[in-house]
PDB file of N, CA and C in Angstrom:
ATOM      1  N   MET A   1     -11.956   8.629 -26.188  1.00  0.00           N
ATOM      2  CA  MET A   1     -11.388   8.934 -24.894  1.00  0.00           C
ATOM      3  C   MET A   1     -11.279  10.449 -24.734  1.00  0.00           C
ATOM      4  N   VAL A   2     -11.717  10.928 -23.610  1.00  0.00           N
ATOM      5  CA  VAL A   2     -11.599  12.355 -23.323  1.00  0.00           C
ATOM      6  C   VAL A   2     -10.337  12.595 -22.510  1.00  0.00           C
ATOM      7  N   GLY A   3     -10.071  13.845 -22.196  1.00  0.00           N
ATOM      8  CA  GLY A   3      -8.879  14.179 -21.433  1.00  0.00           C
ATOM      9  C   GLY A   3      -7.670  14.240 -22.345  1.00  0.00           C
ATOM     10  N   SER A   4      -6.514  14.440 -21.719  1.00  0.00           N
ATOM     11  CA  SER A   4      -5.289  14.595 -22.492  1.00  0.00           C
ATOM     12  C   SER A   4      -4.526  13.287 -22.650  1.00  0.00           C
ATOM     13  N   GLY A   5      -5.024  12.205 -22.036  1.00  0.00           N
ATOM     14  CA  GLY A   5      -4.401  10.905 -22.205  1.00  0.00           C
ATOM     15  C   GLY A   5      -3.735  10.335 -20.974  1.00  0.00           C
ATOM     16  N   VAL A   6      -3.700  11.081 -19.867  1.00  0.00           N
ATOM     17  CA  VAL A   6      -3.134  10.532 -18.640  1.00  0.00           C
ATOM     18  C   VAL A   6      -4.047   9.420 -18.140  1.00  0.00           C
ATOM     19  N   ARG A   7      -3.455   8.278 -17.865  1.00  0.00           N
ATOM     20  CA  ARG A   7      -4.189   7.131 -17.320  1.00  0.00           C
ATOM     21  C   ARG A   7      -4.076   7.212 -15.799  1.00  0.00           C
ATOM     22  N   LEU A   8      -5.191   7.117 -15.099  1.00  0.00           N
ATOM     23  CA  LEU A   8      -5.248   7.383 -13.662  1.00  0.00           C
ATOM     24  C   LEU A   8      -5.401   6.102 -12.847  1.00  0.00           C
ATOM     25  N   PHE A   9      -4.758   6.086 -11.686  1.00  0.00           N
ATOM     26  CA  PHE A   9      -4.929   5.034 -10.681  1.00  0.00           C
ATOM     27  C   PHE A   9      -5.244   5.737  -9.370  1.00  0.00           C
ATOM     28  N   THR A  10      -6.424   5.496  -8.806  1.00  0.00           N
ATOM     29  CA  THR A  10      -6.785   6.177  -7.568  1.00  0.00           C
ATOM     30  C   THR A  10      -6.313   5.365  -6.367  1.00  0.00           C
ATOM     31  N   ASP A  11      -5.635   6.030  -5.465  1.00  0.00           N
ATOM     32  CA  ASP A  11      -5.089   5.444  -4.248  1.00  0.00           C
ATOM     33  C   ASP A  11      -6.216   4.979  -3.328  1.00  0.00           C
ATOM     34  N   GLU A  12      -5.864   4.175  -2.341  1.00  0.00           N
ATOM     35  CA  GLU A  12      -6.846   3.661  -1.382  1.00  0.00           C
ATOM     36  C   GLU A  12      -7.617   4.762  -0.664  1.00  0.00           C
ATOM     37  N   MET A  13      -6.997   5.915  -0.486  1.00  0.00           N
ATOM     38  CA  MET A  13      -7.634   7.010   0.258  1.00  0.00           C
ATOM     39  C   MET A  13      -8.719   7.723  -0.562  1.00  0.00           C
ATOM     40  N   ILE A  14      -8.732   7.494  -1.848  1.00  0.00           N
ATOM     41  CA  ILE A  14      -9.659   8.173  -2.752  1.00  0.00           C
ATOM     42  C   ILE A  14     -10.962   7.384  -2.818  1.00  0.00           C
ATOM     43  N   HIS A  15     -12.084   8.091  -2.869  1.00  0.00           N
ATOM     44  CA  HIS A  15     -13.402   7.455  -2.962  1.00  0.00           C
ATOM     45  C   HIS A  15     -13.369   6.423  -4.091  1.00  0.00           C
ATOM     46  N   PRO A  16     -13.715   5.164  -3.809  1.00  0.00           N
ATOM     47  CA  PRO A  16     -13.613   4.118  -4.833  1.00  0.00           C
ATOM     48  C   PRO A  16     -14.517   4.341  -6.045  1.00  0.00           C
ATOM     49  N   GLY A  17     -15.547   5.146  -5.910  1.00  0.00           N
ATOM     50  CA  GLY A  17     -16.436   5.405  -7.041  1.00  0.00           C
ATOM     51  C   GLY A  17     -15.902   6.418  -8.026  1.00  0.00           C
ATOM     52  N   LEU A  18     -14.802   7.091  -7.683  1.00  0.00           N
ATOM     53  CA  LEU A  18     -14.269   8.120  -8.574  1.00  0.00           C
ATOM     54  C   LEU A  18     -13.826   7.524  -9.914  1.00  0.00           C
ATOM     55  N   ALA A  19     -13.110   6.426  -9.871  1.00  0.00           N
ATOM     56  CA  ALA A  19     -12.624   5.827 -11.127  1.00  0.00           C
ATOM     57  C   ALA A  19     -13.784   5.434 -12.031  1.00  0.00           C
ATOM     58  N   ALA A  20     -14.824   4.831 -11.461  1.00  0.00           N
ATOM     59  CA  ALA A  20     -15.985   4.435 -12.265  1.00  0.00           C
ATOM     60  C   ALA A  20     -16.677   5.655 -12.862  1.00  0.00           C
ATOM     61  N   ALA A  21     -16.810   6.718 -12.067  1.00  0.00           N
ATOM     62  CA  ALA A  21     -17.441   7.951 -12.569  1.00  0.00           C
ATOM     63  C   ALA A  21     -16.623   8.540 -13.713  1.00  0.00           C
ATOM     64  N   LEU A  22     -15.308   8.528 -13.580  1.00  0.00           N
ATOM     65  CA  LEU A  22     -14.453   9.047 -14.645  1.00  0.00           C
ATOM     66  C   LEU A  22     -14.558   8.199 -15.912  1.00  0.00           C
ATOM     67  N   ARG A  23     -14.601   6.892 -15.751  1.00  0.00           N
ATOM     68  CA  ARG A  23     -14.748   6.023 -16.933  1.00  0.00           C
ATOM     69  C   ARG A  23     -16.061   6.288 -17.662  1.00  0.00           C
ATOM     70  N   ARG A  24     -17.135   6.496 -16.907  1.00  0.00           N
ATOM     71  CA  ARG A  24     -18.428   6.800 -17.543  1.00  0.00           C
ATOM     72  C   ARG A  24     -18.338   8.074 -18.380  1.00  0.00           C
ATOM     73  N   LEU A  25     -17.421   8.961 -18.013  1.00  0.00           N
ATOM     74  CA  LEU A  25     -17.235  10.204 -18.752  1.00  0.00           C
ATOM     75  C   LEU A  25     -16.188  10.083 -19.858  1.00  0.00           C
ATOM     76  N   GLY A  26     -15.597   8.887 -19.995  1.00  0.00           N
ATOM     77  CA  GLY A  26     -14.659   8.643 -21.079  1.00  0.00           C
ATOM     78  C   GLY A  26     -13.188   8.684 -20.715  1.00  0.00           C
ATOM     79  N   TYR A  27     -12.853   8.829 -19.435  1.00  0.00           N
ATOM     80  CA  TYR A  27     -11.462   8.852 -18.995  1.00  0.00           C
ATOM     81  C   TYR A  27     -10.981   7.429 -18.714  1.00  0.00           C
ATOM     82  N   ASP A  28      -9.682   7.233 -18.753  1.00  0.00           N
ATOM     83  CA  ASP A  28      -9.077   5.944 -18.432  1.00  0.00           C
ATOM     84  C   ASP A  28      -8.670   5.982 -16.957  1.00  0.00           C
ATOM     85  N   ALA A  29      -9.437   5.329 -16.110  1.00  0.00           N
ATOM     86  CA  ALA A  29      -9.189   5.374 -14.663  1.00  0.00           C
ATOM     87  C   ALA A  29      -9.436   4.005 -14.042  1.00  0.00           C
ATOM     88  N   GLN A  30      -8.633   3.692 -13.052  1.00  0.00           N
ATOM     89  CA  GLN A  30      -8.768   2.446 -12.304  1.00  0.00           C
ATOM     90  C   GLN A  30      -8.589   2.768 -10.821  1.00  0.00           C
ATOM     91  N   SER A  31      -9.420   2.151  -9.985  1.00  0.00           N
ATOM     92  CA  SER A  31      -9.292   2.361  -8.539  1.00  0.00           C
ATOM     93  C   SER A  31      -8.449   1.249  -7.924  1.00  0.00           C
ATOM     94  N   CYS A  32      -7.913   1.542  -6.773  1.00  0.00           N
ATOM     95  CA  CYS A  32      -7.139   0.558  -6.021  1.00  0.00           C
ATOM     96  C   CYS A  32      -7.975  -0.702  -5.741  1.00  0.00           C
ATOM     97  N   PRO A  33      -9.247  -0.559  -5.286  1.00  0.00           N
ATOM     98  CA  PRO A  33     -10.052  -1.764  -5.073  1.00  0.00           C
ATOM     99  C   PRO A  33     -10.301  -2.565  -6.365  1.00  0.00           C
ATOM    100  N   GLU A  34     -10.520  -1.869  -7.482  1.00  0.00           N
ATOM    101  CA  GLU A  34     -10.743  -2.567  -8.754  1.00  0.00           C
ATOM    102  C   GLU A  34      -9.524  -3.390  -9.163  1.00  0.00           C
ATOM    103  N   ALA A  35      -8.348  -2.902  -8.790  1.00  0.00           N
ATOM    104  CA  ALA A  35      -7.110  -3.601  -9.125  1.00  0.00           C
ATOM    105  C   ALA A  35      -6.812  -4.724  -8.130  1.00  0.00           C
ATOM    106  N   GLY A  36      -7.672  -4.871  -7.108  1.00  0.00           N
ATOM    107  CA  GLY A  36      -7.453  -5.892  -6.092  1.00  0.00           C
ATOM    108  C   GLY A  36      -6.294  -5.575  -5.174  1.00  0.00           C
ATOM    109  N   ARG A  37      -6.025  -4.272  -4.966  1.00  0.00           N
ATOM    110  CA  ARG A  37      -4.858  -3.841  -4.208  1.00  0.00           C
ATOM    111  C   ARG A  37      -5.210  -3.025  -2.963  1.00  0.00           C
ATOM    112  N   SER A  38      -6.435  -3.116  -2.491  1.00  0.00           N
ATOM    113  CA  SER A  38      -6.804  -2.344  -1.297  1.00  0.00           C
ATOM    114  C   SER A  38      -6.907  -3.250  -0.080  1.00  0.00           C
ATOM    115  N   ASN A  39      -6.753  -2.638   1.085  1.00  0.00           N
ATOM    116  CA  ASN A  39      -6.871  -3.332   2.377  1.00  0.00           C
ATOM    117  C   ASN A  39      -5.961  -4.550   2.492  1.00  0.00           C
ATOM    118  N   GLN A  40      -4.785  -4.445   1.916  1.00  0.00           N
ATOM    119  CA  GLN A  40      -3.823  -5.543   1.980  1.00  0.00           C
ATOM    120  C   GLN A  40      -2.484  -5.104   2.562  1.00  0.00           C
ATOM    121  N   GLY A  41      -2.386  -3.850   2.966  1.00  0.00           N
ATOM    122  CA  GLY A  41      -1.130  -3.356   3.515  1.00  0.00           C
ATOM    123  C   GLY A  41      -0.027  -3.225   2.480  1.00  0.00           C
ATOM    124  N   ILE A  42      -0.406  -3.037   1.226  1.00  0.00           N
ATOM    125  CA  ILE A  42       0.586  -2.874   0.156  1.00  0.00           C
ATOM    126  C   ILE A  42       1.270  -1.520   0.331  1.00  0.00           C
ATOM    127  N   SER A  43       2.578  -1.507   0.275  1.00  0.00           N
ATOM    128  CA  SER A  43       3.322  -0.259   0.500  1.00  0.00           C
ATOM    129  C   SER A  43       3.036   0.755  -0.615  1.00  0.00           C
ATOM    130  N   ASP A  44       3.245   2.026  -0.276  1.00  0.00           N
ATOM    131  CA  ASP A  44       3.083   3.078  -1.280  1.00  0.00           C
ATOM    132  C   ASP A  44       4.062   2.887  -2.426  1.00  0.00           C
ATOM    133  N   ASP A  45       5.270   2.429  -2.115  1.00  0.00           N
ATOM    134  CA  ASP A  45       6.258   2.171  -3.155  1.00  0.00           C
ATOM    135  C   ASP A  45       5.747   1.113  -4.130  1.00  0.00           C
ATOM    136  N   ASP A  46       5.163   0.049  -3.588  1.00  0.00           N
ATOM    137  CA  ASP A  46       4.614  -0.999  -4.451  1.00  0.00           C
ATOM    138  C   ASP A  46       3.393  -0.520  -5.236  1.00  0.00           C
ATOM    139  N   GLN A  47       2.584   0.353  -4.632  1.00  0.00           N
ATOM    140  CA  GLN A  47       1.424   0.910  -5.364  1.00  0.00           C
ATOM    141  C   GLN A  47       1.903   1.774  -6.525  1.00  0.00           C
ATOM    142  N   LEU A  48       2.934   2.583  -6.274  1.00  0.00           N
ATOM    143  CA  LEU A  48       3.476   3.423  -7.346  1.00  0.00           C
ATOM    144  C   LEU A  48       4.091   2.560  -8.443  1.00  0.00           C
ATOM    145  N   ALA A  49       4.782   1.501  -8.054  1.00  0.00           N
ATOM    146  CA  ALA A  49       5.375   0.600  -9.051  1.00  0.00           C
ATOM    147  C   ALA A  49       4.284  -0.068  -9.883  1.00  0.00           C
ATOM    148  N   TYR A  50       3.219  -0.529  -9.235  1.00  0.00           N
ATOM    149  CA  TYR A  50       2.101  -1.143  -9.962  1.00  0.00           C
ATOM    150  C   TYR A  50       1.504  -0.150 -10.966  1.00  0.00           C
ATOM    151  N   ALA A  51       1.205   1.055 -10.474  1.00  0.00           N
ATOM    152  CA  ALA A  51       0.595   2.070 -11.346  1.00  0.00           C
ATOM    153  C   ALA A  51       1.513   2.388 -12.528  1.00  0.00           C
ATOM    154  N   SER A  52       2.787   2.533 -12.254  1.00  0.00           N
ATOM    155  CA  SER A  52       3.733   2.892 -13.314  1.00  0.00           C
ATOM    156  C   SER A  52       3.898   1.777 -14.334  1.00  0.00           C
ATOM    157  N   THR A  53       3.901   0.531 -13.873  1.00  0.00           N
ATOM    158  CA  THR A  53       4.000  -0.603 -14.784  1.00  0.00           C
ATOM    159  C   THR A  53       2.816  -0.626 -15.740  1.00  0.00           C
ATOM    160  N   ASP A  54       1.665  -0.162 -15.244  1.00  0.00           N
ATOM    161  CA  ASP A  54       0.451  -0.111 -16.065  1.00  0.00           C
ATOM    162  C   ASP A  54       0.308   1.238 -16.778  1.00  0.00           C
ATOM    163  N   GLY A  55       1.312   2.108 -16.661  1.00  0.00           N
ATOM    164  CA  GLY A  55       1.276   3.414 -17.323  1.00  0.00           C
ATOM    165  C   GLY A  55       0.279   4.377 -16.706  1.00  0.00           C
ATOM    166  N   ARG A  56       0.051   4.245 -15.396  1.00  0.00           N
ATOM    167  CA  ARG A  56      -0.935   5.077 -14.702  1.00  0.00           C
ATOM    168  C   ARG A  56      -0.273   5.996 -13.686  1.00  0.00           C
ATOM    169  N   ALA A  57      -0.852   7.166 -13.515  1.00  0.00           N
ATOM    170  CA  ALA A  57      -0.422   8.106 -12.483  1.00  0.00           C
ATOM    171  C   ALA A  57      -1.366   7.977 -11.300  1.00  0.00           C
ATOM    172  N   PRO A  58      -0.841   7.670 -10.107  1.00  0.00           N
ATOM    173  CA  PRO A  58      -1.729   7.591  -8.954  1.00  0.00           C
ATOM    174  C   PRO A  58      -2.200   8.969  -8.496  1.00  0.00           C
ATOM    175  N   LEU A  59      -3.458   9.025  -8.123  1.00  0.00           N
ATOM    176  CA  LEU A  59      -4.030  10.200  -7.467  1.00  0.00           C
ATOM    177  C   LEU A  59      -4.099   9.855  -5.995  1.00  0.00           C
ATOM    178  N   THR A  60      -3.531  10.711  -5.138  1.00  0.00           N
ATOM    179  CA  THR A  60      -3.483  10.404  -3.720  1.00  0.00           C
ATOM    180  C   THR A  60      -3.657  11.642  -2.849  1.00  0.00           C
ATOM    181  N   PHE A  61      -4.233  11.422  -1.676  1.00  0.00           N
ATOM    182  CA  PHE A  61      -4.279  12.448  -0.629  1.00  0.00           C
ATOM    183  C   PHE A  61      -3.084  12.265   0.310  1.00  0.00           C
ATOM    184  N   ASN A  62      -2.315  11.219   0.120  1.00  0.00           N
ATOM    185  CA  ASN A  62      -1.214  10.853   1.006  1.00  0.00           C
ATOM    186  C   ASN A  62       0.058  11.618   0.632  1.00  0.00           C
ATOM    187  N   ILE A  63       0.011  12.906   0.830  1.00  0.00           N
ATOM    188  CA  ILE A  63       1.114  13.793   0.451  1.00  0.00           C
ATOM    189  C   ILE A  63       2.369  13.482   1.253  1.00  0.00           C
ATOM    190  N   ASP A  64       2.214  13.222   2.556  1.00  0.00           N
ATOM    191  CA  ASP A  64       3.361  12.988   3.435  1.00  0.00           C
ATOM    192  C   ASP A  64       4.210  11.796   3.004  1.00  0.00           C
ATOM    193  N   ASP A  65       3.606  10.818   2.355  1.00  0.00           N
ATOM    194  CA  ASP A  65       4.362   9.649   1.908  1.00  0.00           C
ATOM    195  C   ASP A  65       4.770   9.735   0.440  1.00  0.00           C
ATOM    196  N   PHE A  66       3.906  10.272  -0.409  1.00  0.00           N
ATOM    197  CA  PHE A  66       4.192  10.254  -1.845  1.00  0.00           C
ATOM    198  C   PHE A  66       5.177  11.338  -2.285  1.00  0.00           C
ATOM    199  N   MET A  67       5.250  12.465  -1.595  1.00  0.00           N
ATOM    200  CA  MET A  67       6.261  13.480  -1.957  1.00  0.00           C
ATOM    201  C   MET A  67       7.665  12.920  -1.752  1.00  0.00           C
ATOM    202  N   PRO A  68       7.968  12.359  -0.561  1.00  0.00           N
ATOM    203  CA  PRO A  68       9.304  11.776  -0.397  1.00  0.00           C
ATOM    204  C   PRO A  68       9.526  10.559  -1.310  1.00  0.00           C
ATOM    205  N   LEU A  69       8.475   9.811  -1.590  1.00  0.00           N
ATOM    206  CA  LEU A  69       8.587   8.658  -2.476  1.00  0.00           C
ATOM    207  C   LEU A  69       9.027   9.105  -3.872  1.00  0.00           C
ATOM    208  N   ASP A  70       8.451  10.183  -4.357  1.00  0.00           N
ATOM    209  CA  ASP A  70       8.852  10.742  -5.646  1.00  0.00           C
ATOM    210  C   ASP A  70      10.340  11.087  -5.624  1.00  0.00           C
ATOM    211  N   SER A  71      10.793  11.718  -4.555  1.00  0.00           N
ATOM    212  CA  SER A  71      12.214  12.088  -4.444  1.00  0.00           C
ATOM    213  C   SER A  71      13.115  10.858  -4.383  1.00  0.00           C
ATOM    214  N   ARG A  72      12.701   9.838  -3.644  1.00  0.00           N
ATOM    215  CA  ARG A  72      13.495   8.609  -3.552  1.00  0.00           C
ATOM    216  C   ARG A  72      13.598   7.914  -4.913  1.00  0.00           C
ATOM    217  N   TRP A  73      12.476   7.883  -5.634  1.00  0.00           N
ATOM    218  CA  TRP A  73      12.513   7.265  -6.966  1.00  0.00           C
ATOM    219  C   TRP A  73      13.468   8.029  -7.873  1.00  0.00           C
ATOM    220  N   LYS A  74      13.413   9.343  -7.840  1.00  0.00           N
ATOM    221  CA  LYS A  74      14.294  10.139  -8.696  1.00  0.00           C
ATOM    222  C   LYS A  74      15.759   9.919  -8.312  1.00  0.00           C
ATOM    223  N   ALA A  75      16.060   9.892  -7.015  1.00  0.00           N
ATOM    224  CA  ALA A  75      17.430   9.680  -6.549  1.00  0.00           C
ATOM    225  C   ALA A  75      17.953   8.306  -6.967  1.00  0.00           C
ATOM    226  N   ALA A  76      17.065   7.329  -7.050  1.00  0.00           N
ATOM    227  CA  ALA A  76      17.452   5.974  -7.437  1.00  0.00           C
ATOM    228  C   ALA A  76      17.421   5.765  -8.957  1.00  0.00           C
ATOM    229  N   GLY A  77      17.043   6.793  -9.695  1.00  0.00           N
ATOM    230  CA  GLY A  77      16.965   6.677 -11.147  1.00  0.00           C
ATOM    231  C   GLY A  77      15.754   5.897 -11.627  1.00  0.00           C
ATOM    232  N   ARG A  78      14.758   5.757 -10.759  1.00  0.00           N
ATOM    233  CA  ARG A  78      13.518   5.053 -11.137  1.00  0.00           C
ATOM    234  C   ARG A  78      12.550   6.062 -11.755  1.00  0.00           C
ATOM    235  N   ILE A  79      11.834   5.630 -12.762  1.00  0.00           N
ATOM    236  CA  ILE A  79      10.894   6.512 -13.464  1.00  0.00           C
ATOM    237  C   ILE A  79       9.482   5.997 -13.238  1.00  0.00           C
ATOM    238  N   HIS A  80       8.574   6.916 -12.929  1.00  0.00           N
ATOM    239  CA  HIS A  80       7.170   6.553 -12.754  1.00  0.00           C
ATOM    240  C   HIS A  80       6.316   7.307 -13.769  1.00  0.00           C
ATOM    241  N   SER A  81       5.049   6.980 -13.800  1.00  0.00           N
ATOM    242  CA  SER A  81       4.135   7.594 -14.772  1.00  0.00           C
ATOM    243  C   SER A  81       3.507   8.890 -14.273  1.00  0.00           C
ATOM    244  N   GLY A  82       4.022   9.393 -13.175  1.00  0.00           N
ATOM    245  CA  GLY A  82       3.515  10.622 -12.589  1.00  0.00           C
ATOM    246  C   GLY A  82       2.766  10.335 -11.302  1.00  0.00           C
ATOM    247  N   ILE A  83       2.624  11.365 -10.491  1.00  0.00           N
ATOM    248  CA  ILE A  83       1.864  11.306  -9.249  1.00  0.00           C
ATOM    249  C   ILE A  83       1.011  12.564  -9.203  1.00  0.00           C
ATOM    250  N   ILE A  84      -0.259  12.412  -8.872  1.00  0.00           N
ATOM    251  CA  ILE A  84      -1.148  13.564  -8.707  1.00  0.00           C
ATOM    252  C   ILE A  84      -1.464  13.668  -7.227  1.00  0.00           C
ATOM    253  N   LEU A  85      -1.007  14.756  -6.620  1.00  0.00           N
ATOM    254  CA  LEU A  85      -1.168  14.988  -5.188  1.00  0.00           C
ATOM    255  C   LEU A  85      -2.328  15.933  -4.935  1.00  0.00           C
ATOM    256  N   ALA A  86      -3.073  15.661  -3.881  1.00  0.00           N
ATOM    257  CA  ALA A  86      -4.202  16.530  -3.538  1.00  0.00           C
ATOM    258  C   ALA A  86      -4.385  16.554  -2.029  1.00  0.00           C
ATOM    259  N   THR A  87      -4.794  17.705  -1.529  1.00  0.00           N
ATOM    260  CA  THR A  87      -5.236  17.757  -0.149  1.00  0.00           C
ATOM    261  C   THR A  87      -6.596  17.069  -0.099  1.00  0.00           C
ATOM    262  N   GLN A  88      -6.994  16.643   1.069  1.00  0.00           N
ATOM    263  CA  GLN A  88      -8.257  15.913   1.240  1.00  0.00           C
ATOM    264  C   GLN A  88      -9.426  16.730   0.680  1.00  0.00           C
ATOM    265  N   ILE A  89     -10.193  16.124  -0.200  1.00  0.00           N
ATOM    266  CA  ILE A  89     -11.394  16.746  -0.765  1.00  0.00           C
ATOM    267  C   ILE A  89     -12.548  15.814  -0.442  1.00  0.00           C
ATOM    268  N   GLU A  90     -13.403  16.223   0.470  1.00  0.00           N
ATOM    269  CA  GLU A  90     -14.498  15.376   0.937  1.00  0.00           C
ATOM    270  C   GLU A  90     -15.666  15.317  -0.054  1.00  0.00           C
ATOM    271  N   ASP A  91     -15.943  16.432  -0.696  1.00  0.00           N
ATOM    272  CA  ASP A  91     -17.094  16.513  -1.596  1.00  0.00           C
ATOM    273  C   ASP A  91     -16.786  15.766  -2.896  1.00  0.00           C
ATOM    274  N   PHE A  92     -17.518  14.675  -3.145  1.00  0.00           N
ATOM    275  CA  PHE A  92     -17.259  13.832  -4.307  1.00  0.00           C
ATOM    276  C   PHE A  92     -17.376  14.612  -5.614  1.00  0.00           C
ATOM    277  N   GLY A  93     -18.411  15.420  -5.751  1.00  0.00           N
ATOM    278  CA  GLY A  93     -18.606  16.199  -6.973  1.00  0.00           C
ATOM    279  C   GLY A  93     -17.459  17.152  -7.218  1.00  0.00           C
ATOM    280  N   GLU A  94     -16.977  17.786  -6.171  1.00  0.00           N
ATOM    281  CA  GLU A  94     -15.849  18.712  -6.306  1.00  0.00           C
ATOM    282  C   GLU A  94     -14.575  17.958  -6.682  1.00  0.00           C
ATOM    283  N   LEU A  95     -14.353  16.809  -6.074  1.00  0.00           N
ATOM    284  CA  LEU A  95     -13.189  15.991  -6.417  1.00  0.00           C
ATOM    285  C   LEU A  95     -13.252  15.579  -7.889  1.00  0.00           C
ATOM    286  N   LEU A  96     -14.404  15.116  -8.328  1.00  0.00           N
ATOM    287  CA  LEU A  96     -14.577  14.720  -9.716  1.00  0.00           C
ATOM    288  C   LEU A  96     -14.290  15.886 -10.661  1.00  0.00           C
ATOM    289  N   ARG A  97     -14.809  17.061 -10.357  1.00  0.00           N
ATOM    290  CA  ARG A  97     -14.578  18.237 -11.214  1.00  0.00           C
ATOM    291  C   ARG A  97     -13.091  18.585 -11.279  1.00  0.00           C
ATOM    292  N   ARG A  98     -12.427  18.586 -10.135  1.00  0.00           N
ATOM    293  CA  ARG A  98     -11.007  18.963 -10.121  1.00  0.00           C
ATOM    294  C   ARG A  98     -10.143  17.937 -10.857  1.00  0.00           C
ATOM    295  N   VAL A  99     -10.448  16.672 -10.678  1.00  0.00           N
ATOM    296  CA  VAL A  99      -9.671  15.640 -11.379  1.00  0.00           C
ATOM    297  C   VAL A  99      -9.889  15.753 -12.883  1.00  0.00           C
ATOM    298  N   ARG A 100     -11.106  15.990 -13.301  1.00  0.00           N
ATOM    299  CA  ARG A 100     -11.375  16.153 -14.734  1.00  0.00           C
ATOM    300  C   ARG A 100     -10.590  17.329 -15.308  1.00  0.00           C
ATOM    301  N   VAL A 101     -10.546  18.441 -14.594  1.00  0.00           N
ATOM    302  CA  VAL A 101      -9.779  19.602 -15.057  1.00  0.00           C
ATOM    303  C   VAL A 101      -8.313  19.207 -15.216  1.00  0.00           C
ATOM    304  N   HIS A 102      -7.770  18.514 -14.220  1.00  0.00           N
ATOM    305  CA  HIS A 102      -6.364  18.090 -14.282  1.00  0.00           C
ATOM    306  C   HIS A 102      -6.126  17.192 -15.497  1.00  0.00           C
ATOM    307  N   LEU A 103      -6.985  16.190 -15.660  1.00  0.00           N
ATOM    308  CA  LEU A 103      -6.814  15.245 -16.766  1.00  0.00           C
ATOM    309  C   LEU A 103      -7.015  15.910 -18.121  1.00  0.00           C
ATOM    310  N   ASP A 104      -7.793  16.972 -18.165  1.00  0.00           N
ATOM    311  CA  ASP A 104      -8.007  17.696 -19.424  1.00  0.00           C
ATOM    312  C   ASP A 104      -6.840  18.630 -19.757  1.00  0.00           C
ATOM    313  N   ILE A 105      -6.120  19.083 -18.740  1.00  0.00           N
ATOM    314  CA  ILE A 105      -5.051  20.071 -18.945  1.00  0.00           C
ATOM    315  C   ILE A 105      -3.687  19.430 -19.173  1.00  0.00           C
ATOM    316  N   TYR A 106      -3.326  18.450 -18.346  1.00  0.00           N
ATOM    317  CA  TYR A 106      -1.965  17.920 -18.367  1.00  0.00           C
ATOM    318  C   TYR A 106      -1.853  16.668 -19.232  1.00  0.00           C
ATOM    319  N   PRO A 107      -1.058  16.741 -20.299  1.00  0.00           N
ATOM    320  CA  PRO A 107      -0.846  15.553 -21.131  1.00  0.00           C
ATOM    321  C   PRO A 107       0.165  14.618 -20.459  1.00  0.00           C
ATOM    322  N   PRO A 108       0.209  13.372 -20.902  1.00  0.00           N
ATOM    323  CA  PRO A 108       1.148  12.415 -20.317  1.00  0.00           C
ATOM    324  C   PRO A 108       2.601  12.889 -20.325  1.00  0.00           C
ATOM    325  N   ALA A 109       3.003  13.618 -21.348  1.00  0.00           N
ATOM    326  CA  ALA A 109       4.400  14.074 -21.429  1.00  0.00           C
ATOM    327  C   ALA A 109       4.754  15.015 -20.277  1.00  0.00           C
ATOM    328  N   ILE A 110       3.798  15.782 -19.793  1.00  0.00           N
ATOM    329  CA  ILE A 110       4.050  16.677 -18.659  1.00  0.00           C
ATOM    330  C   ILE A 110       3.890  15.928 -17.343  1.00  0.00           C
ATOM    331  N   GLN A 111       2.901  15.049 -17.245  1.00  0.00           N
ATOM    332  CA  GLN A 111       2.652  14.301 -16.010  1.00  0.00           C
ATOM    333  C   GLN A 111       3.737  13.250 -15.756  1.00  0.00           C
ATOM    334  N   HIS A 112       4.324  12.720 -16.824  1.00  0.00           N
ATOM    335  CA  HIS A 112       5.301  11.625 -16.733  1.00  0.00           C
ATOM    336  C   HIS A 112       6.452  11.956 -15.782  1.00  0.00           C
ATOM    337  N   ASP A 113       6.691  11.077 -14.813  1.00  0.00           N
ATOM    338  CA  ASP A 113       7.797  11.170 -13.859  1.00  0.00           C
ATOM    339  C   ASP A 113       7.787  12.477 -13.054  1.00  0.00           C
ATOM    340  N   THR A 114       6.613  13.051 -12.890  1.00  0.00           N
ATOM    341  CA  THR A 114       6.475  14.318 -12.181  1.00  0.00           C
ATOM    342  C   THR A 114       5.344  14.237 -11.174  1.00  0.00           C
ATOM    343  N   ALA A 115       5.576  14.811 -10.001  1.00  0.00           N
ATOM    344  CA  ALA A 115       4.509  14.944  -9.002  1.00  0.00           C
ATOM    345  C   ALA A 115       3.870  16.310  -9.213  1.00  0.00           C
ATOM    346  N   LEU A 116       2.610  16.308  -9.572  1.00  0.00           N
ATOM    347  CA  LEU A 116       1.870  17.544  -9.797  1.00  0.00           C
ATOM    348  C   LEU A 116       0.739  17.654  -8.782  1.00  0.00           C
ATOM    349  N   TRP A 117       0.415  18.867  -8.417  1.00  0.00           N
ATOM    350  CA  TRP A 117      -0.680  19.119  -7.474  1.00  0.00           C
ATOM    351  C   TRP A 117      -1.985  19.274  -8.220  1.00  0.00           C
ATOM    352  N   LEU A 118      -3.023  18.654  -7.681  1.00  0.00           N
ATOM    353  CA  LEU A 118      -4.379  18.881  -8.165  1.00  0.00           C
ATOM    354  C   LEU A 118      -4.747  20.294  -7.739  1.00  0.00           C
ATOM    355  N   SER A 119      -5.391  21.032  -8.569  1.00  0.00           N
ATOM    356  CA  SER A 119      -5.758  22.410  -8.246  1.00  0.00           C
ATOM    357  C   SER A 119      -6.542  22.483  -6.941  1.00  0.00           C
ATOM    358  N   THR A 120      -6.216  23.463  -6.121  1.00  0.00           N
ATOM    359  CA  THR A 120      -6.965  23.686  -4.893  1.00  0.00           C
ATOM    360  C   THR A 120      -8.097  24.673  -5.106  1.00  0.00           C
ATOM    361  N   THR A 121      -8.162  25.221  -6.313  1.00  0.00           N
ATOM    362  CA  THR A 121      -9.230  26.147  -6.651  1.00  0.00           C
ATOM    363  C   THR A 121     -10.435  25.350  -7.114  1.00  0.00           C
ATOM    364  N   PRO A 122     -11.600  25.592  -6.541  1.00  0.00           N
ATOM    365  CA  PRO A 122     -12.781  24.844  -7.003  1.00  0.00           C
ATOM    366  C   PRO A 122     -12.994  25.019  -8.495  1.00  0.00           C
ATOM    367  N   ALA A 123     -13.288  23.931  -9.138  1.00  0.00           N
ATOM    368  CA  ALA A 123     -13.562  23.971 -10.580  1.00  0.00           C
ATOM    369  C   ALA A 123     -14.901  24.645 -10.822  1.00  0.00           C
ATOM    370  N   GLU A 124     -15.036  25.241 -11.983  1.00  0.00           N
ATOM    371  CA  GLU A 124     -16.284  25.915 -12.317  1.00  0.00           C
ATOM    372  C   GLU A 124     -17.118  25.072 -13.240  1.00  0.00           C
TER     373      GLU A 124
END
């Protein structure tokens, strides 16, 4: 397994092929469609709970919902496996590069119960 050990769950807004591409490179990643959780109107709270139960940090472009969700979980004493927030990245190759950098840098102990931003600087 490559990376620092963070297990990833890609939100519905993320290109569904990202998780498969990451797995081919040796990362532990699962997409929302692969989990059978897309296009069903599942709440963000339930998606975060699912990911956390499986020890995964969701990657999402849905900053407006997941930032307050992180705060609500903390206020309620709920612990999650981390949240990776990103502004919309249309270019698949660029998204893949940035996610790989994140997964290579941040170990689970730092990602755990923390909302971290995916780098906005293009990866080299």
